[in-house]
Amino acid sequence: MHYGAIKKSDIANGEGIRTTLFVSGCRNGCKNCFNKETWAFDYGEPFTEAVAEEILATFGNNFLSGLTILGGEPMEPENQAGLLPFLREFKRRYPKKTLWIFTGNLYEELTSGVGNHFKCLDITEELLSYVDILVDGRYEEENYSLGLRFRGSTNQRIIDMNKTRECGKIVIWDGCRFDKVYNKVNSEE
């Protein structure tokens, strides 16, 4: 697995101050993607154990709320295999820090194994078990809105994975209530 960037004090990709990892490789090809250079699986640098340790070390700072993974596409099979041991260790060391993952895939695709190219549902399920917040859905330029928190288009959802696991159905993150278009978008649900 490769990565394009690491941000060690990010406030744009999740709640609070976060360390953010931009993985490389994406087959979704969303029109006007903000991070098109990360579509190539060999973009950037290799994600090594030393890089993983560098990221984990940032959480010695108590002001960090958690880790965000985006890309590229973290849920590409190649990236899931690279991320899984790292996320296991992150949750082992920092169980109170939150993990946000941004994916162009829908939660339903990820959990059913149906859809694009999910090779091993066991890896996907374990990886999702560590996620606190999942931002799902492809960016759709025709649904772009500046009034949204932590996503670009109204079709994308911010799923509270802890409440979703608890309830057995998708629960939208409570922070979406601050969207300027929240009531309009979610009146259809």
C-alpha atoms as a PDB file:
ATOM      1  CA  MET A   1       0.000   0.000   0.000  1.00  0.00           C
ATOM      2  CA  HIS A   2       1.109   3.568  -0.724  1.00  0.00           C
ATOM      3  CA  TYR A   3       0.030   6.856   0.777  1.00  0.00           C
ATOM      4  CA  GLY A   4      -0.052  10.384  -0.616  1.00  0.00           C
ATOM      5  CA  ALA A   5       0.053  12.486   2.555  1.00  0.00           C
ATOM      6  CA  ILE A   6      -0.132  12.564   6.332  1.00  0.00           C
ATOM      7  CA  LYS A   7      -1.592  15.570   8.150  1.00  0.00           C
ATOM      8  CA  LYS A   8      -0.756  15.666  11.847  1.00  0.00           C
ATOM      9  CA  SER A   9      -3.121  18.450  12.958  1.00  0.00           C
ATOM     10  CA  ASP A  10      -6.115  18.253  10.620  1.00  0.00           C
ATOM     11  CA  ILE A  11      -9.469  19.911  11.387  1.00  0.00           C
ATOM     12  CA  ALA A  12     -11.110  19.414   7.969  1.00  0.00           C
ATOM     13  CA  ASN A  13     -11.638  15.641   7.907  1.00  0.00           C
ATOM     14  CA  GLY A  14     -13.555  14.772  11.034  1.00  0.00           C
ATOM     15  CA  GLU A  15     -14.527  16.138  14.386  1.00  0.00           C
ATOM     16  CA  GLY A  16     -11.798  17.684  16.519  1.00  0.00           C
ATOM     17  CA  ILE A  17      -8.091  17.830  15.742  1.00  0.00           C
ATOM     18  CA  ARG A  18      -6.987  14.664  13.981  1.00  0.00           C
ATOM     19  CA  THR A  19      -4.107  12.887  12.321  1.00  0.00           C
ATOM     20  CA  THR A  20      -5.143  12.107   8.757  1.00  0.00           C
ATOM     21  CA  LEU A  21      -3.729   9.532   6.353  1.00  0.00           C
ATOM     22  CA  PHE A  22      -4.443   9.834   2.629  1.00  0.00           C
ATOM     23  CA  VAL A  23      -3.996   6.378   1.089  1.00  0.00           C
ATOM     24  CA  SER A  24      -3.304   5.869  -2.616  1.00  0.00           C
ATOM     25  CA  GLY A  25      -5.400   3.884  -5.042  1.00  0.00           C
ATOM     26  CA  CYS A  26      -8.990   4.365  -6.129  1.00  0.00           C
ATOM     27  CA  ARG A  27     -11.123   2.793  -8.847  1.00  0.00           C
ATOM     28  CA  ASN A  28     -14.219   4.982  -8.255  1.00  0.00           C
ATOM     29  CA  GLY A  29     -13.157   7.857 -10.517  1.00  0.00           C
ATOM     30  CA  CYS A  30     -15.581  10.469  -9.162  1.00  0.00           C
ATOM     31  CA  LYS A  31     -15.958  13.445 -11.509  1.00  0.00           C
ATOM     32  CA  ASN A  32     -13.960  16.437 -10.196  1.00  0.00           C
ATOM     33  CA  CYS A  33     -12.533  14.489  -7.272  1.00  0.00           C
ATOM     34  CA  PHE A  34     -10.579  16.838  -4.993  1.00  0.00           C
ATOM     35  CA  ASN A  35      -7.734  14.327  -4.698  1.00  0.00           C
ATOM     36  CA  LYS A  36      -7.414  12.826  -8.181  1.00  0.00           C
ATOM     37  CA  GLU A  37      -3.657  12.255  -7.916  1.00  0.00           C
ATOM     38  CA  THR A  38      -4.323   9.560  -5.290  1.00  0.00           C
ATOM     39  CA  TRP A  39      -6.194   7.378  -7.799  1.00  0.00           C
ATOM     40  CA  ALA A  40      -2.905   5.683  -8.763  1.00  0.00           C
ATOM     41  CA  PHE A  41      -2.056   2.815  -6.418  1.00  0.00           C
ATOM     42  CA  ASP A  42       1.666   3.680  -6.567  1.00  0.00           C
ATOM     43  CA  TYR A  43       1.245   7.419  -5.884  1.00  0.00           C
ATOM     44  CA  GLY A  44       3.343   8.814  -3.047  1.00  0.00           C
ATOM     45  CA  GLU A  45       5.401   6.681  -0.700  1.00  0.00           C
ATOM     46  CA  PRO A  46       5.150   3.075   0.533  1.00  0.00           C
ATOM     47  CA  PHE A  47       3.242   2.658   3.804  1.00  0.00           C
ATOM     48  CA  THR A  48       5.885   0.969   5.956  1.00  0.00           C
ATOM     49  CA  GLU A  49       6.007  -0.058   9.621  1.00  0.00           C
ATOM     50  CA  ALA A  50       8.112   3.054  10.261  1.00  0.00           C
ATOM     51  CA  VAL A  51       5.395   5.257   8.742  1.00  0.00           C
ATOM     52  CA  ALA A  52       2.739   3.472  10.815  1.00  0.00           C
ATOM     53  CA  GLU A  53       4.808   4.090  13.976  1.00  0.00           C
ATOM     54  CA  GLU A  54       5.270   7.744  13.028  1.00  0.00           C
ATOM     55  CA  ILE A  55       1.487   8.141  12.792  1.00  0.00           C
ATOM     56  CA  LEU A  56       0.811   6.218  16.008  1.00  0.00           C
ATOM     57  CA  ALA A  57       3.357   8.379  17.846  1.00  0.00           C
ATOM     58  CA  THR A  58       1.301  11.497  17.081  1.00  0.00           C
ATOM     59  CA  PHE A  59      -1.335  10.268  19.529  1.00  0.00           C
ATOM     60  CA  GLY A  60       1.003  10.927  22.426  1.00  0.00           C
ATOM     61  CA  ASN A  61      -0.502  14.406  22.104  1.00  0.00           C
ATOM     62  CA  ASN A  62      -3.662  14.399  24.203  1.00  0.00           C
ATOM     63  CA  PHE A  63      -5.258  17.159  22.111  1.00  0.00           C
ATOM     64  CA  LEU A  64      -5.761  14.795  19.157  1.00  0.00           C
ATOM     65  CA  SER A  65      -9.303  13.418  18.892  1.00  0.00           C
ATOM     66  CA  GLY A  66      -8.467  10.572  16.566  1.00  0.00           C
ATOM     67  CA  LEU A  67      -7.391   9.218  13.208  1.00  0.00           C
ATOM     68  CA  THR A  68      -8.981   9.791   9.805  1.00  0.00           C
ATOM     69  CA  ILE A  69      -8.296   7.616   6.757  1.00  0.00           C
ATOM     70  CA  LEU A  70      -9.257   8.772   3.283  1.00  0.00           C
ATOM     71  CA  GLY A  71      -7.642   8.822  -0.071  1.00  0.00           C
ATOM     72  CA  GLY A  72      -7.740   7.510  -2.706  1.00  0.00           C
ATOM     73  CA  GLU A  73     -10.043   4.796  -1.469  1.00  0.00           C
ATOM     74  CA  PRO A  74      -9.273   3.103   1.871  1.00  0.00           C
ATOM     75  CA  MET A  75     -11.744   0.300   1.139  1.00  0.00           C
ATOM     76  CA  GLU A  76     -10.002  -0.924  -2.015  1.00  0.00           C
ATOM     77  CA  PRO A  77      -9.004  -4.546  -1.253  1.00  0.00           C
ATOM     78  CA  GLU A  78      -5.300  -3.717  -1.564  1.00  0.00           C
ATOM     79  CA  ASN A  79      -5.668  -0.882   0.938  1.00  0.00           C
ATOM     80  CA  GLN A  80      -7.802  -2.871   3.374  1.00  0.00           C
ATOM     81  CA  ALA A  81      -5.057  -5.488   3.585  1.00  0.00           C
ATOM     82  CA  GLY A  82      -2.482  -2.771   4.280  1.00  0.00           C
ATOM     83  CA  LEU A  83      -4.635  -0.871   6.766  1.00  0.00           C
ATOM     84  CA  LEU A  84      -5.962  -3.756   8.852  1.00  0.00           C
ATOM     85  CA  PRO A  85      -2.849  -4.470  10.986  1.00  0.00           C
ATOM     86  CA  PHE A  86      -2.278  -0.726  11.436  1.00  0.00           C
ATOM     87  CA  LEU A  87      -5.868  -0.090  12.583  1.00  0.00           C
ATOM     88  CA  ARG A  88      -5.760  -3.082  14.949  1.00  0.00           C
ATOM     89  CA  GLU A  89      -2.712  -1.531  16.593  1.00  0.00           C
ATOM     90  CA  PHE A  90      -4.232   1.958  16.623  1.00  0.00           C
ATOM     91  CA  LYS A  91      -7.339   0.708  18.465  1.00  0.00           C
ATOM     92  CA  ARG A  92      -5.237  -1.448  20.817  1.00  0.00           C
ATOM     93  CA  ARG A  93      -3.058   1.495  21.841  1.00  0.00           C
ATOM     94  CA  TYR A  94      -5.687   4.234  21.735  1.00  0.00           C
ATOM     95  CA  PRO A  95      -9.143   2.719  22.336  1.00  0.00           C
ATOM     96  CA  LYS A  96     -10.646   6.090  23.284  1.00  0.00           C
ATOM     97  CA  LYS A  97      -9.509   7.860  20.114  1.00  0.00           C
ATOM     98  CA  THR A  98     -11.997   7.848  17.258  1.00  0.00           C
ATOM     99  CA  LEU A  99     -11.435   6.401  13.805  1.00  0.00           C
ATOM    100  CA  TRP A 100     -13.115   8.022  10.799  1.00  0.00           C
ATOM    101  CA  ILE A 101     -12.943   6.433   7.342  1.00  0.00           C
ATOM    102  CA  PHE A 102     -14.120   8.101   4.148  1.00  0.00           C
ATOM    103  CA  THR A 103     -15.169   5.732   1.349  1.00  0.00           C
ATOM    104  CA  GLY A 104     -16.843   6.116  -2.015  1.00  0.00           C
ATOM    105  CA  ASN A 105     -18.552   2.795  -1.401  1.00  0.00           C
ATOM    106  CA  LEU A 106     -21.875   2.463   0.355  1.00  0.00           C
ATOM    107  CA  TYR A 107     -22.021   0.776   3.746  1.00  0.00           C
ATOM    108  CA  GLU A 108     -24.442  -1.759   2.245  1.00  0.00           C
ATOM    109  CA  GLU A 109     -21.899  -2.686  -0.454  1.00  0.00           C
ATOM    110  CA  LEU A 110     -19.140  -3.091   2.092  1.00  0.00           C
ATOM    111  CA  THR A 111     -21.153  -5.275   4.460  1.00  0.00           C
ATOM    112  CA  SER A 112     -22.739  -7.504   1.828  1.00  0.00           C
ATOM    113  CA  GLY A 113     -19.597  -8.132  -0.203  1.00  0.00           C
ATOM    114  CA  VAL A 114     -21.670  -7.279  -3.269  1.00  0.00           C
ATOM    115  CA  GLY A 115     -20.591  -4.519  -5.543  1.00  0.00           C
ATOM    116  CA  ASN A 116     -17.323  -3.399  -6.909  1.00  0.00           C
ATOM    117  CA  HIS A 117     -14.537  -5.777  -5.977  1.00  0.00           C
ATOM    118  CA  PHE A 118     -14.581  -6.877  -2.364  1.00  0.00           C
ATOM    119  CA  LYS A 119     -12.429  -9.977  -2.220  1.00  0.00           C
ATOM    120  CA  CYS A 120     -12.558 -10.855   1.435  1.00  0.00           C
ATOM    121  CA  LEU A 121     -15.608  -9.936   3.478  1.00  0.00           C
ATOM    122  CA  ASP A 122     -13.835 -11.095   6.671  1.00  0.00           C
ATOM    123  CA  ILE A 123     -11.175  -8.394   6.280  1.00  0.00           C
ATOM    124  CA  THR A 124     -13.812  -5.768   5.497  1.00  0.00           C
ATOM    125  CA  GLU A 125     -15.913  -6.747   8.523  1.00  0.00           C
ATOM    126  CA  GLU A 126     -12.950  -6.642  10.887  1.00  0.00           C
ATOM    127  CA  LEU A 127     -11.768  -3.325   9.507  1.00  0.00           C
ATOM    128  CA  LEU A 128     -15.273  -1.839   9.895  1.00  0.00           C
ATOM    129  CA  SER A 129     -15.403  -3.114  13.487  1.00  0.00           C
ATOM    130  CA  TYR A 130     -12.732  -0.533  14.383  1.00  0.00           C
ATOM    131  CA  VAL A 131     -14.498   2.382  12.678  1.00  0.00           C
ATOM    132  CA  ASP A 132     -16.393   4.912  14.780  1.00  0.00           C
ATOM    133  CA  ILE A 133     -17.569   7.097  11.886  1.00  0.00           C
ATOM    134  CA  LEU A 134     -17.930   5.992   8.254  1.00  0.00           C
ATOM    135  CA  VAL A 135     -18.472   8.637   5.589  1.00  0.00           C
ATOM    136  CA  ASP A 136     -19.872   6.676   2.651  1.00  0.00           C
ATOM    137  CA  GLY A 137     -20.928   7.318  -0.929  1.00  0.00           C
ATOM    138  CA  ARG A 138     -19.206   8.648  -4.005  1.00  0.00           C
ATOM    139  CA  TYR A 139     -18.779  12.375  -4.446  1.00  0.00           C
ATOM    140  CA  GLU A 140     -21.427  13.549  -6.932  1.00  0.00           C
ATOM    141  CA  GLU A 141     -20.746  16.960  -8.386  1.00  0.00           C
ATOM    142  CA  GLU A 142     -24.432  17.542  -9.189  1.00  0.00           C
ATOM    143  CA  ASN A 143     -25.194  17.127  -5.451  1.00  0.00           C
ATOM    144  CA  TYR A 144     -22.353  19.366  -4.247  1.00  0.00           C
ATOM    145  CA  SER A 145     -23.192  21.595  -1.280  1.00  0.00           C
ATOM    146  CA  LEU A 146     -21.136  23.967   0.855  1.00  0.00           C
ATOM    147  CA  GLY A 147     -23.662  23.517   3.665  1.00  0.00           C
ATOM    148  CA  LEU A 148     -22.461  20.014   4.568  1.00  0.00           C
ATOM    149  CA  ARG A 149     -20.034  19.034   7.296  1.00  0.00           C
ATOM    150  CA  PHE A 150     -17.152  16.723   6.384  1.00  0.00           C
ATOM    151  CA  ARG A 151     -18.432  15.746   2.933  1.00  0.00           C
ATOM    152  CA  GLY A 152     -18.986  17.325  -0.441  1.00  0.00           C
ATOM    153  CA  SER A 153     -22.304  16.075  -1.791  1.00  0.00           C
ATOM    154  CA  THR A 154     -25.733  15.472  -0.303  1.00  0.00           C
ATOM    155  CA  ASN A 155     -25.803  11.774  -1.259  1.00  0.00           C
ATOM    156  CA  GLN A 156     -22.896  11.053   1.088  1.00  0.00           C
ATOM    157  CA  ARG A 157     -23.754   9.879   4.593  1.00  0.00           C
ATOM    158  CA  ILE A 158     -21.908  10.189   7.875  1.00  0.00           C
ATOM    159  CA  ILE A 159     -22.714   6.953   9.681  1.00  0.00           C
ATOM    160  CA  ASP A 160     -22.263   6.541  13.421  1.00  0.00           C
ATOM    161  CA  MET A 161     -20.881   3.008  13.335  1.00  0.00           C
ATOM    162  CA  ASN A 162     -21.109   2.408  17.091  1.00  0.00           C
ATOM    163  CA  LYS A 163     -24.835   3.224  17.130  1.00  0.00           C
ATOM    164  CA  THR A 164     -25.331   1.337  13.859  1.00  0.00           C
ATOM    165  CA  ARG A 165     -23.809  -1.817  15.369  1.00  0.00           C
ATOM    166  CA  GLU A 166     -25.884  -1.339  18.524  1.00  0.00           C
ATOM    167  CA  CYS A 167     -29.195  -0.797  16.676  1.00  0.00           C
ATOM    168  CA  GLY A 168     -28.657  -3.176  13.762  1.00  0.00           C
ATOM    169  CA  LYS A 169     -29.591  -0.435  11.269  1.00  0.00           C
ATOM    170  CA  ILE A 170     -27.829   2.598   9.836  1.00  0.00           C
ATOM    171  CA  VAL A 171     -27.727   5.530  12.252  1.00  0.00           C
ATOM    172  CA  ILE A 172     -26.650   8.909  10.878  1.00  0.00           C
ATOM    173  CA  TRP A 173     -24.090  10.757  12.993  1.00  0.00           C
ATOM    174  CA  ASP A 174     -25.689  13.290  15.309  1.00  0.00           C
ATOM    175  CA  GLY A 175     -23.261  16.013  14.165  1.00  0.00           C
ATOM    176  CA  CYS A 176     -25.130  16.186  10.841  1.00  0.00           C
ATOM    177  CA  ARG A 177     -27.799  18.230  12.611  1.00  0.00           C
ATOM    178  CA  PHE A 178     -25.450  21.192  12.113  1.00  0.00           C
ATOM    179  CA  ASP A 179     -25.603  20.861   8.311  1.00  0.00           C
ATOM    180  CA  LYS A 180     -27.170  23.912   6.735  1.00  0.00           C
ATOM    181  CA  VAL A 181     -29.098  21.566   4.426  1.00  0.00           C
ATOM    182  CA  TYR A 182     -29.659  18.718   6.897  1.00  0.00           C
ATOM    183  CA  ASN A 183     -33.443  18.941   7.222  1.00  0.00           C
ATOM    184  CA  LYS A 184     -33.935  19.137   3.458  1.00  0.00           C
ATOM    185  CA  VAL A 185     -31.593  16.209   2.714  1.00  0.00           C
ATOM    186  CA  ASN A 186     -32.777  13.927   5.482  1.00  0.00           C
ATOM    187  CA  SER A 187     -36.511  14.587   5.177  1.00  0.00           C
ATOM    188  CA  GLU A 188     -36.470  11.852   2.517  1.00  0.00           C
ATOM    189  CA  GLU A 189     -35.094   9.179   4.898  1.00  0.00           C
END
